[in-house]
Amino acid sequence: MTRSSHHCGRYEKFANRRDFLKKAGAGFGLLALADLLQAEGLMATNTDAARALDPMAPRMPHYAGKAKSIIWLFMEGAPSSVDLFDPKPELTKRDGKRIDINVFNGNPGPLMKSPFSFKQYGQSGAWVCEKYPNVARHVDDFAFIKSLYSESNDHVPALYQINTGIARPGFPSAGAWITYGMGSESRNLPGYVVLGNNQGVKGGPLNWSAGFLPTSYQGTLFRSSGAPILNLTRPENVTRDDQRAQLDFLKKINSGHLQQHEGEPDLLARIQSFELAYRMQMEASDLTDFSNESKETMELYGLDQEVSKNIGTKCLMARRLIERGVRFVQVYSDGEWDAHSDLKGNHSHHCASTDMPIHGLLTDLKRRGLWDNTLVIWGGEFGRMPVSQGSGGRDHNPNGFMAWMAGAGIKGGTSYGETDEIGYKAVQDRVSVHDLHATMLHLLGIDHTRLTYFHNGRRYRLTDVAGEVIQKILA
């Protein structure tokens, strides 16, 4: 996955990417050739030449990983750890007392106890608030990471950091790095799909950008109703043969241009994107057709309830996508957990909208044989303060927050790290965003220090120059 001049098998005679592309016809018919070579087992799957020929061809990991795909349940807006999974008795004891604390918006109120009650669940005895009764049924599958911290207390840079590792725009997202490193097992769908927030994700497409990686690896934003992608359906007055002829003509023109700009990755990506869009017309349009799903499955995901229908639809689509070989699916919750006031109302609504869908997804993955090779991640961009803000709200808190992982390679029923007694700062076994990403890559069989890309005079990686795998949550 690190760039190398060494090629294997039939491709040893091609000295570099440019020579390879010349011999392959400078892009003309690349995808057809890629399909043939892959079918014959002749694809040099870990070389730059192979990536140029077919960016999404499956590639061997560094070692045998437990996970083949990832579903990231992204709770945009920052849920409060102390009000969902990490109750702090000291907050209840000191409720209403003031402390010296730095907050994002200024004018902090006193310490505020959680408005929710908690119970212990499972053999692990994990605490879960009253608003997540169905998610609570799965705590023995979870590894809670309770000591995350990040650099920014503003949503947009924090979103960039949790998605790309860097709190600035312009860097490749985790999904882009993963598809660059591993490709995808789907031939007719993008390797990296985003099911976005219905009101738009703060920071926009830069959250799933390929950054300086070739654009083939950027996330593709799908809609959860109607056509997943706008303009996917072929116009009624255009036949399939006519469309194929148009694409072939475009390919011929682009190939001529490519001969003057040999090996240009964005041009190659554009040629391949036309072909992928053509193949997607049948596969993607079927994703939102749930007619072959049972009534029981629909209800399992909460599609029979208005409050959970939208998120349930996205979670069901996520399962259908990974069944079809998509490598990385990111599911954003709708609206925001950004409870600067009325945390009780805000979190009650968001728990209700996600509780059944998450339960349905985890249950469905198990019964369909997908659990052991799918990694599920839950979390937001940071957490919330232990003190009150406004009328019963909490401000942003990047100093200590949590996420959980479940599924492939995870030691269920575990908890790692702690914040202090009021949930303000991570103090025990602190976990950086780079550590989270390193662990995610490790479960896929990728050594995070070896997944690199040469850009602007140096090699970059998702974990920058840091990151340690959280060994204690691994099975």
Protein backbone atom coordinates (compact mmCIF):
# COMPACT_ATOMS: atom_id res chain seq x y z
CA MET A 1 0.00 0.00 0.00
CA THR A 2 3.05 2.18 0.23
CA ARG A 3 4.18 3.20 -3.24
CA SER A 4 6.68 0.79 -4.70
CA SER A 5 8.49 0.26 -7.99
CA HIS A 6 8.24 -3.50 -7.55
CA HIS A 7 5.52 -5.20 -9.54
CA CYS A 8 4.54 -8.84 -9.65
CA GLY A 9 3.71 -11.55 -12.17
CA ARG A 10 2.94 -10.46 -15.70
CA TYR A 11 3.58 -6.77 -14.93
CA GLU A 12 7.29 -6.94 -14.04
CA LYS A 13 8.19 -5.70 -17.52
CA PHE A 14 6.39 -2.39 -16.96
CA ALA A 15 8.89 -0.12 -15.28
CA ASN A 16 6.45 2.46 -13.97
CA ARG A 17 2.88 3.70 -14.10
CA ARG A 18 3.39 5.79 -17.24
CA ASP A 19 4.90 2.90 -19.19
CA PHE A 20 2.13 0.63 -18.00
CA LEU A 21 -0.58 3.01 -19.18
CA LYS A 22 1.04 3.40 -22.58
CA LYS A 23 1.14 -0.36 -23.03
CA ALA A 24 -2.47 -0.65 -21.87
CA GLY A 25 -3.67 1.84 -24.47
CA ALA A 26 -3.44 5.05 -22.45
CA GLY A 27 -6.75 4.52 -20.73
CA PHE A 28 -8.84 3.22 -23.63
CA GLY A 29 -10.74 0.15 -22.49
CA LEU A 30 -9.01 0.10 -19.12
CA LEU A 31 -12.03 -1.11 -17.20
CA ALA A 32 -12.78 -3.97 -19.55
CA LEU A 33 -9.14 -5.06 -19.30
CA ALA A 34 -9.26 -4.73 -15.52
CA ASP A 35 -12.32 -6.95 -15.26
CA LEU A 36 -10.67 -9.57 -17.48
CA LEU A 37 -7.39 -9.55 -15.56
CA GLN A 38 -9.12 -9.68 -12.21
CA ALA A 39 -11.30 -12.56 -13.31
CA GLU A 40 -8.19 -14.43 -14.43
CA GLY A 41 -6.38 -13.65 -11.19
CA LEU A 42 -3.69 -11.69 -13.01
CA MET A 43 -4.20 -8.27 -11.44
CA ALA A 44 -1.13 -6.93 -9.66
CA THR A 45 -3.28 -5.81 -6.78
CA ASN A 46 -0.78 -3.88 -4.65
CA THR A 47 0.93 -1.71 -7.26
CA ASP A 48 0.44 1.81 -8.57
CA ALA A 49 -0.10 0.27 -12.01
CA ALA A 50 -2.99 -1.81 -10.68
CA ARG A 51 -4.53 1.23 -9.02
CA ALA A 52 -4.34 3.18 -12.26
CA LEU A 53 -5.89 0.31 -14.20
CA ASP A 54 -8.75 -0.18 -11.74
CA PRO A 55 -8.74 2.03 -8.62
CA MET A 56 -11.37 -0.03 -6.81
CA ALA A 57 -10.00 -3.51 -7.49
CA PRO A 58 -9.78 -5.42 -4.18
CA ARG A 59 -6.26 -5.41 -2.80
CA MET A 60 -4.56 -7.57 -0.24
CA PRO A 61 -4.23 -6.06 3.24
CA HIS A 62 -0.91 -6.02 5.07
CA TYR A 63 -2.07 -8.93 7.21
CA ALA A 64 -5.24 -10.91 7.80
CA GLY A 65 -7.75 -8.45 9.22
CA LYS A 66 -11.01 -9.30 10.97
CA ALA A 67 -13.11 -6.67 9.16
CA LYS A 68 -13.90 -6.43 5.46
CA SER A 69 -16.18 -3.41 5.67
CA ILE A 70 -17.11 -0.56 8.00
CA ILE A 71 -20.40 1.10 8.88
CA TRP A 72 -19.81 4.36 10.74
CA LEU A 73 -22.92 5.64 12.55
CA PHE A 74 -22.09 9.33 12.81
CA MET A 75 -24.07 11.26 15.42
CA GLU A 76 -23.47 14.75 14.07
CA GLY A 77 -23.67 17.62 16.54
CA ALA A 78 -21.97 15.83 19.44
CA PRO A 79 -24.01 13.65 21.80
CA SER A 80 -23.36 13.92 25.53
CA SER A 81 -21.49 10.94 26.96
CA VAL A 82 -22.59 11.62 30.54
CA ASP A 83 -26.23 11.59 29.47
CA LEU A 84 -26.12 8.41 27.35
CA PHE A 85 -23.49 5.81 28.32
CA ASP A 86 -21.18 7.27 30.97
CA PRO A 87 -23.15 8.49 34.02
CA LYS A 88 -21.22 10.44 36.63
CA PRO A 89 -22.54 10.15 40.22
CA GLU A 90 -20.46 13.19 41.14
CA LEU A 91 -22.53 15.31 38.75
CA THR A 92 -25.69 14.29 40.59
CA LYS A 93 -24.04 14.92 43.96
CA ARG A 94 -22.74 18.38 42.98
CA ASP A 95 -25.66 19.46 40.80
CA GLY A 96 -26.08 23.25 40.88
CA LYS A 97 -22.58 24.00 42.17
CA ARG A 98 -20.29 26.27 40.18
CA ILE A 99 -16.74 25.41 39.15
CA ASP A 100 -13.99 27.23 37.26
CA ILE A 101 -14.21 25.92 33.70
CA ASN A 102 -13.46 27.10 30.16
CA VAL A 103 -16.33 26.71 27.71
CA PHE A 104 -16.76 27.41 24.00
CA ASN A 105 -19.56 29.99 24.16
CA GLY A 106 -18.70 31.63 27.50
CA ASN A 107 -20.94 32.26 30.53
CA PRO A 108 -20.94 28.70 31.88
CA GLY A 109 -23.67 27.70 34.27
CA PRO A 110 -23.29 25.39 37.27
CA LEU A 111 -22.72 21.66 37.14
CA MET A 112 -25.81 19.91 35.79
CA LYS A 113 -26.85 16.33 36.54
CA SER A 114 -28.27 14.21 33.76
CA PRO A 115 -32.01 14.56 33.19
CA PHE A 116 -32.17 10.83 32.44
CA SER A 117 -32.13 7.74 34.61
CA PHE A 118 -29.70 4.88 33.95
CA LYS A 119 -29.77 1.09 34.23
CA GLN A 120 -27.14 -1.60 33.90
CA TYR A 121 -27.49 -4.09 31.06
CA GLY A 122 -25.94 -7.35 29.93
CA GLN A 123 -23.34 -9.50 31.59
CA SER A 124 -20.93 -6.60 31.36
CA GLY A 125 -23.22 -4.42 33.48
CA ALA A 126 -22.76 -1.43 31.19
CA TRP A 127 -24.78 1.66 32.07
CA VAL A 128 -27.20 3.00 29.46
CA CYS A 129 -29.72 5.82 29.78
CA GLU A 130 -33.46 5.19 29.73
CA LYS A 131 -33.80 6.65 26.22
CA TYR A 132 -31.74 3.92 24.51
CA PRO A 133 -33.51 0.68 25.60
CA ASN A 134 -32.99 -1.18 22.31
CA VAL A 135 -29.37 -0.13 21.82
CA ALA A 136 -28.85 -1.24 25.44
CA ARG A 137 -29.65 -4.82 24.43
CA HIS A 138 -26.31 -4.98 22.60
CA VAL A 139 -23.89 -3.67 25.24
CA ASP A 140 -22.13 -7.03 25.52
CA ASP A 141 -21.09 -6.54 21.89
CA PHE A 142 -19.69 -3.04 22.46
CA ALA A 143 -16.23 -1.80 23.26
CA PHE A 144 -16.83 1.60 24.84
CA ILE A 145 -14.01 4.09 24.29
CA LYS A 146 -14.65 6.66 27.03
CA SER A 147 -11.51 8.79 26.87
CA LEU A 148 -11.45 10.34 23.41
CA TYR A 149 -10.20 13.88 22.95
CA SER A 150 -9.74 16.16 19.95
CA GLU A 151 -8.28 19.57 19.14
CA SER A 152 -11.22 21.79 18.23
CA ASN A 153 -14.36 22.89 20.05
CA ASP A 154 -15.99 24.12 16.83
CA HIS A 155 -18.12 21.73 14.79
CA VAL A 156 -16.55 22.11 11.35
CA PRO A 157 -12.86 21.62 12.24
CA ALA A 158 -13.87 18.90 14.71
CA LEU A 159 -15.80 17.13 11.96
CA TYR A 160 -12.78 17.42 9.67
CA GLN A 161 -10.54 15.96 12.36
CA ILE A 162 -12.72 12.98 13.22
CA ASN A 163 -13.18 12.25 9.51
CA THR A 164 -9.68 12.98 8.19
CA GLY A 165 -7.41 13.06 11.24
CA ILE A 166 -6.62 16.75 10.70
CA ALA A 167 -8.70 19.70 11.94
CA ARG A 168 -8.19 21.59 8.65
CA PRO A 169 -9.85 21.15 5.26
CA GLY A 170 -8.16 19.50 2.31
CA PHE A 171 -7.06 16.14 3.70
CA PRO A 172 -8.31 12.69 2.63
CA SER A 173 -11.11 11.22 4.71
CA ALA A 174 -10.82 7.87 6.45
CA GLY A 175 -13.11 6.26 3.86
CA ALA A 176 -10.91 7.57 1.05
CA TRP A 177 -7.77 6.20 2.71
CA ILE A 178 -9.43 2.83 3.22
CA THR A 179 -10.65 2.48 -0.35
CA TYR A 180 -7.24 3.66 -1.59
CA GLY A 181 -5.61 0.94 0.49
CA MET A 182 -8.08 -1.90 0.01
CA GLY A 183 -10.26 -1.11 -2.99
CA SER A 184 -13.80 -2.47 -2.97
CA GLU A 185 -15.48 -5.80 -3.57
CA SER A 186 -18.34 -4.10 -5.44
CA ARG A 187 -17.99 -3.71 -9.19
CA ASN A 188 -21.19 -1.73 -9.74
CA LEU A 189 -21.26 0.63 -6.76
CA PRO A 190 -18.80 3.14 -5.29
CA GLY A 191 -16.43 1.73 -2.69
CA TYR A 192 -17.23 4.55 -0.27
CA VAL A 193 -20.82 5.72 0.26
CA VAL A 194 -22.13 8.51 2.50
CA LEU A 195 -25.76 8.65 3.67
CA GLY A 196 -25.88 12.25 4.78
CA ASN A 197 -27.74 14.39 7.27
CA ASN A 198 -31.10 15.49 5.83
CA GLN A 199 -30.26 19.13 6.59
CA GLY A 200 -26.71 18.94 5.23
CA VAL A 201 -23.51 18.04 7.07
CA LYS A 202 -21.54 20.95 8.53
CA GLY A 203 -18.38 21.40 6.49
CA GLY A 204 -20.01 19.73 3.48
CA PRO A 205 -18.31 17.31 1.09
CA LEU A 206 -14.85 17.99 2.54
CA ASN A 207 -15.87 15.50 5.24
CA TRP A 208 -15.78 12.67 2.68
CA SER A 209 -13.25 14.17 0.28
CA ALA A 210 -10.32 12.31 -1.24
CA GLY A 211 -8.13 15.35 -0.52
CA PHE A 212 -4.84 14.88 -2.36
CA LEU A 213 -5.57 11.22 -3.13
CA PRO A 214 -6.95 10.47 -6.61
CA THR A 215 -10.59 11.53 -6.79
CA SER A 216 -11.69 7.94 -7.43
CA TYR A 217 -11.50 7.42 -3.67
CA GLN A 218 -13.80 10.21 -2.52
CA GLY A 219 -17.11 9.34 -0.89
CA THR A 220 -20.28 9.32 -2.96
CA LEU A 221 -23.29 10.97 -1.33
CA PHE A 222 -26.43 8.84 -1.63
CA ARG A 223 -29.99 9.88 -0.87
CA SER A 224 -32.12 7.53 1.21
CA SER A 225 -35.31 7.91 -0.83
CA GLY A 226 -36.04 8.01 -4.54
CA ALA A 227 -33.03 7.66 -6.82
CA PRO A 228 -29.94 7.36 -4.57
CA ILE A 229 -28.05 9.69 -6.92
CA LEU A 230 -29.55 12.51 -8.96
CA ASN A 231 -29.64 11.99 -12.74
CA LEU A 232 -28.87 8.29 -12.34
CA THR A 233 -31.77 7.13 -14.50
CA ARG A 234 -31.21 7.09 -18.26
CA PRO A 235 -33.51 9.52 -20.11
CA GLU A 236 -36.49 7.76 -21.67
CA ASN A 237 -35.57 8.91 -25.18
CA VAL A 238 -32.05 7.42 -24.92
CA THR A 239 -31.62 3.69 -25.49
CA ARG A 240 -29.02 1.62 -23.68
CA ASP A 241 -27.14 1.11 -26.96
CA ASP A 242 -27.12 4.86 -27.60
CA GLN A 243 -25.81 5.54 -24.13
CA ARG A 244 -23.10 2.90 -24.53
CA ALA A 245 -22.08 4.51 -27.85
CA GLN A 246 -21.89 7.93 -26.18
CA LEU A 247 -19.69 6.58 -23.40
CA ASP A 248 -17.42 4.84 -25.88
CA PHE A 249 -17.07 8.09 -27.82
CA LEU A 250 -16.29 10.01 -24.62
CA LYS A 251 -13.74 7.38 -23.70
CA LYS A 252 -12.06 7.77 -27.08
CA ILE A 253 -11.85 11.55 -26.73
CA ASN A 254 -10.60 11.33 -23.14
CA SER A 255 -8.03 8.72 -24.13
CA GLY A 256 -6.65 11.08 -26.76
CA HIS A 257 -6.37 13.78 -24.13
CA LEU A 258 -4.77 11.31 -21.72
CA GLN A 259 -2.00 10.59 -24.24
CA GLN A 260 -0.96 14.22 -23.87
CA HIS A 261 -1.20 14.04 -20.05
CA GLU A 262 -0.14 10.47 -19.39
CA GLY A 263 -0.91 9.01 -15.98
CA GLU A 264 -2.89 12.07 -14.81
CA PRO A 265 -4.93 10.57 -11.92
CA ASP A 266 -7.93 12.93 -12.03
CA LEU A 267 -8.43 12.35 -15.74
CA LEU A 268 -8.23 8.60 -15.21
CA ALA A 269 -10.75 8.93 -12.40
CA ARG A 270 -13.11 10.86 -14.69
CA ILE A 271 -12.96 8.16 -17.36
CA GLN A 272 -13.64 5.48 -14.79
CA SER A 273 -16.44 7.48 -13.15
CA PHE A 274 -18.40 7.46 -16.42
CA GLU A 275 -18.13 3.68 -16.56
CA LEU A 276 -19.11 3.28 -12.91
CA ALA A 277 -22.14 5.52 -13.39
CA TYR A 278 -23.20 3.35 -16.32
CA ARG A 279 -22.91 0.16 -14.28
CA MET A 280 -24.67 1.77 -11.31
CA GLN A 281 -27.91 2.43 -13.19
CA MET A 282 -29.32 -0.96 -12.30
CA GLU A 283 -27.50 -1.71 -9.05
CA ALA A 284 -27.97 1.65 -7.31
CA SER A 285 -31.59 2.14 -8.33
CA ASP A 286 -32.39 -1.15 -6.58
CA LEU A 287 -30.99 0.03 -3.23
CA THR A 288 -34.07 2.00 -2.21
CA ASP A 289 -36.49 -0.64 -3.46
CA PHE A 290 -37.34 -2.51 -0.26
CA SER A 291 -40.06 -4.65 -1.82
CA ASN A 292 -37.98 -7.77 -1.25
CA GLU A 293 -37.53 -6.98 2.45
CA SER A 294 -39.99 -8.60 4.87
CA LYS A 295 -42.42 -6.62 7.00
CA GLU A 296 -40.57 -7.92 10.06
CA THR A 297 -37.28 -6.50 8.75
CA MET A 298 -38.85 -3.13 8.03
CA GLU A 299 -40.26 -2.97 11.55
CA LEU A 300 -36.96 -4.14 13.01
CA TYR A 301 -35.29 -1.03 11.58
CA GLY A 302 -38.11 1.23 12.80
CA LEU A 303 -39.48 2.01 9.36
CA ASP A 304 -43.03 1.69 10.71
CA GLN A 305 -42.50 4.66 13.07
CA GLU A 306 -42.30 8.22 11.82
CA VAL A 307 -39.63 9.27 14.32
CA SER A 308 -37.19 6.54 13.23
CA LYS A 309 -38.17 6.00 9.59
CA ASN A 310 -35.45 8.18 8.02
CA ILE A 311 -32.55 6.80 10.06
CA GLY A 312 -33.97 3.28 9.77
CA THR A 313 -33.99 3.61 5.99
CA LYS A 314 -30.35 4.67 5.99
CA CYS A 315 -29.32 1.85 8.31
CA LEU A 316 -31.12 -0.68 6.11
CA MET A 317 -29.42 0.80 3.05
CA ALA A 318 -26.07 0.51 4.83
CA ARG A 319 -26.64 -3.22 5.33
CA ARG A 320 -27.68 -3.62 1.68
CA LEU A 321 -24.60 -1.70 0.53
CA ILE A 322 -22.08 -3.82 2.42
CA GLU A 323 -23.89 -6.96 1.25
CA ARG A 324 -23.07 -5.77 -2.26
CA GLY A 325 -19.39 -5.37 -1.44
CA VAL A 326 -19.15 -1.64 -0.62
CA ARG A 327 -16.15 -1.16 1.63
CA PHE A 328 -17.07 1.89 3.75
CA VAL A 329 -20.51 3.33 4.55
CA GLN A 330 -21.00 6.39 6.71
CA VAL A 331 -24.51 6.98 8.07
CA TYR A 332 -25.20 10.46 9.43
CA SER A 333 -28.04 10.95 11.89
CA ASP A 334 -30.57 13.62 10.88
CA GLY A 335 -30.64 17.01 12.55
CA GLU A 336 -28.04 17.64 15.24
CA TRP A 337 -27.32 16.48 18.77
CA ASP A 338 -26.13 20.07 19.38
CA ALA A 339 -28.01 20.69 22.64
CA HIS A 340 -27.01 24.18 23.75
CA SER A 341 -30.42 24.35 25.40
CA ASP A 342 -33.05 21.75 26.31
CA LEU A 343 -30.67 18.79 26.26
CA LYS A 344 -33.48 16.60 27.57
CA GLY A 345 -35.72 17.34 24.59
CA ASN A 346 -32.91 17.23 22.02
CA HIS A 347 -31.40 13.95 23.17
CA SER A 348 -34.80 12.34 23.76
CA HIS A 349 -35.67 13.00 20.12
CA HIS A 350 -32.37 11.80 18.72
CA CYS A 351 -32.38 8.67 20.85
CA ALA A 352 -35.89 7.90 19.64
CA SER A 353 -34.86 8.42 16.01
CA THR A 354 -31.77 6.17 16.25
CA ASP A 355 -32.62 3.55 18.91
CA MET A 356 -34.60 1.08 16.78
CA PRO A 357 -32.54 1.62 13.60
CA ILE A 358 -29.26 0.87 15.38
CA HIS A 359 -30.78 -2.14 17.13
CA GLY A 360 -32.18 -3.32 13.80
CA LEU A 361 -28.86 -2.94 12.01
CA LEU A 362 -26.87 -4.82 14.66
CA THR A 363 -29.48 -7.60 14.82
CA ASP A 364 -29.66 -7.91 11.05
CA LEU A 365 -25.88 -8.04 10.62
CA LYS A 366 -25.75 -10.99 13.02
CA ARG A 367 -28.53 -13.02 11.47
CA ARG A 368 -27.27 -12.46 7.92
CA GLY A 369 -23.74 -13.63 8.68
CA LEU A 370 -22.23 -10.16 8.26
CA TRP A 371 -21.34 -9.50 11.90
CA ASP A 372 -17.93 -11.17 11.97
CA ASN A 373 -16.56 -9.15 9.05
CA THR A 374 -18.27 -5.78 9.57
CA LEU A 375 -16.96 -3.14 11.97
CA VAL A 376 -19.64 -0.78 13.34
CA ILE A 377 -18.62 2.56 14.89
CA TRP A 378 -20.90 4.96 16.81
CA GLY A 379 -19.95 8.48 17.85
CA GLY A 380 -19.85 12.21 17.11
CA GLU A 381 -17.22 14.89 16.56
CA PHE A 382 -16.77 15.75 20.27
CA GLY A 383 -18.77 15.65 23.51
CA ARG A 384 -20.57 18.05 25.81
CA MET A 385 -19.71 19.93 28.98
CA PRO A 386 -20.66 18.81 32.51
CA VAL A 387 -21.95 22.33 33.30
CA SER A 388 -25.22 23.78 32.09
CA GLN A 389 -25.72 26.31 29.32
CA GLY A 390 -28.81 28.35 28.60
CA SER A 391 -32.00 26.57 29.55
CA GLY A 392 -30.88 23.05 30.43
CA GLY A 393 -28.29 22.64 27.68
CA ARG A 394 -24.59 21.78 27.47
CA ASP A 395 -21.78 23.42 25.50
CA HIS A 396 -19.18 21.74 23.26
CA ASN A 397 -16.46 19.63 24.89
CA PRO A 398 -13.48 18.25 22.93
CA ASN A 399 -11.56 17.41 26.12
CA GLY A 400 -13.34 14.15 26.85
CA PHE A 401 -15.96 12.23 24.90
CA MET A 402 -16.75 8.70 23.82
CA ALA A 403 -17.50 6.33 20.97
CA TRP A 404 -18.17 2.63 20.76
CA MET A 405 -17.10 -0.08 18.34
CA ALA A 406 -18.76 -3.42 17.70
CA GLY A 407 -18.52 -6.35 15.32
CA ALA A 408 -15.47 -7.66 13.53
CA GLY A 409 -12.48 -8.14 15.81
CA ILE A 410 -13.94 -6.24 18.77
CA LYS A 411 -13.91 -7.62 22.32
CA GLY A 412 -17.50 -7.05 23.34
CA GLY A 413 -18.55 -6.03 26.83
CA THR A 414 -15.42 -3.96 27.38
CA SER A 415 -14.73 -0.36 28.37
CA TYR A 416 -11.51 1.54 27.78
CA GLY A 417 -10.40 4.82 29.33
CA GLU A 418 -12.14 7.26 31.62
CA THR A 419 -12.89 10.93 31.95
CA ASP A 420 -12.64 12.66 35.32
CA GLU A 421 -15.35 12.39 37.97
CA ILE A 422 -17.56 15.01 36.28
CA GLY A 423 -16.90 13.97 32.65
CA TYR A 424 -14.90 17.07 31.68
CA LYS A 425 -11.51 15.74 30.62
CA ALA A 426 -10.10 12.37 29.53
CA VAL A 427 -7.68 11.38 32.28
CA GLN A 428 -7.11 7.63 32.03
CA ASP A 429 -5.84 5.85 28.88
CA ARG A 430 -6.51 8.91 26.74
CA VAL A 431 -7.40 8.13 23.11
CA SER A 432 -6.65 10.54 20.27
CA VAL A 433 -8.45 10.60 16.94
CA HIS A 434 -5.28 9.12 15.43
CA ASP A 435 -5.55 6.19 17.87
CA LEU A 436 -9.15 5.64 16.81
CA HIS A 437 -8.16 5.63 13.14
CA ALA A 438 -5.16 3.36 13.75
CA THR A 439 -7.45 0.84 15.45
CA MET A 440 -9.97 1.00 12.65
CA LEU A 441 -7.28 0.37 10.04
CA HIS A 442 -5.77 -2.44 12.12
CA LEU A 443 -9.09 -4.29 12.16
CA LEU A 444 -9.11 -4.14 8.35
CA GLY A 445 -5.63 -5.65 8.23
CA ILE A 446 -3.86 -2.36 7.49
CA ASP A 447 -0.75 -1.17 9.30
CA HIS A 448 -1.51 2.55 9.66
CA THR A 449 2.18 3.46 9.42
CA ARG A 450 2.48 1.80 6.00
CA LEU A 451 -0.64 3.21 4.32
CA THR A 452 0.99 6.30 2.82
CA TYR A 453 0.75 8.63 -0.16
CA PHE A 454 3.50 10.89 -1.49
CA HIS A 455 2.32 14.50 -1.71
CA ASN A 456 4.08 17.86 -1.58
CA GLY A 457 7.48 16.35 -0.93
CA ARG A 458 6.62 13.88 1.81
CA ARG A 459 4.59 10.81 2.57
CA TYR A 460 1.26 11.40 4.27
CA ARG A 461 -0.96 8.98 6.11
CA LEU A 462 -4.38 9.04 7.82
CA THR A 463 -2.73 9.01 11.25
CA ASP A 464 -0.17 11.71 10.32
CA VAL A 465 2.89 10.97 12.52
CA ALA A 466 1.01 9.53 15.52
CA GLY A 467 -1.54 6.90 16.44
CA GLU A 468 -1.48 3.70 18.48
CA VAL A 469 -3.80 0.71 18.10
CA ILE A 470 -6.07 0.27 21.14
CA GLN A 471 -5.07 -3.33 21.77
CA LYS A 472 -7.24 -3.85 24.87
CA ILE A 473 -10.52 -3.63 22.94
CA LEU A 474 -9.50 -6.23 20.36
CA ALA A 475 -10.73 -9.82 20.50
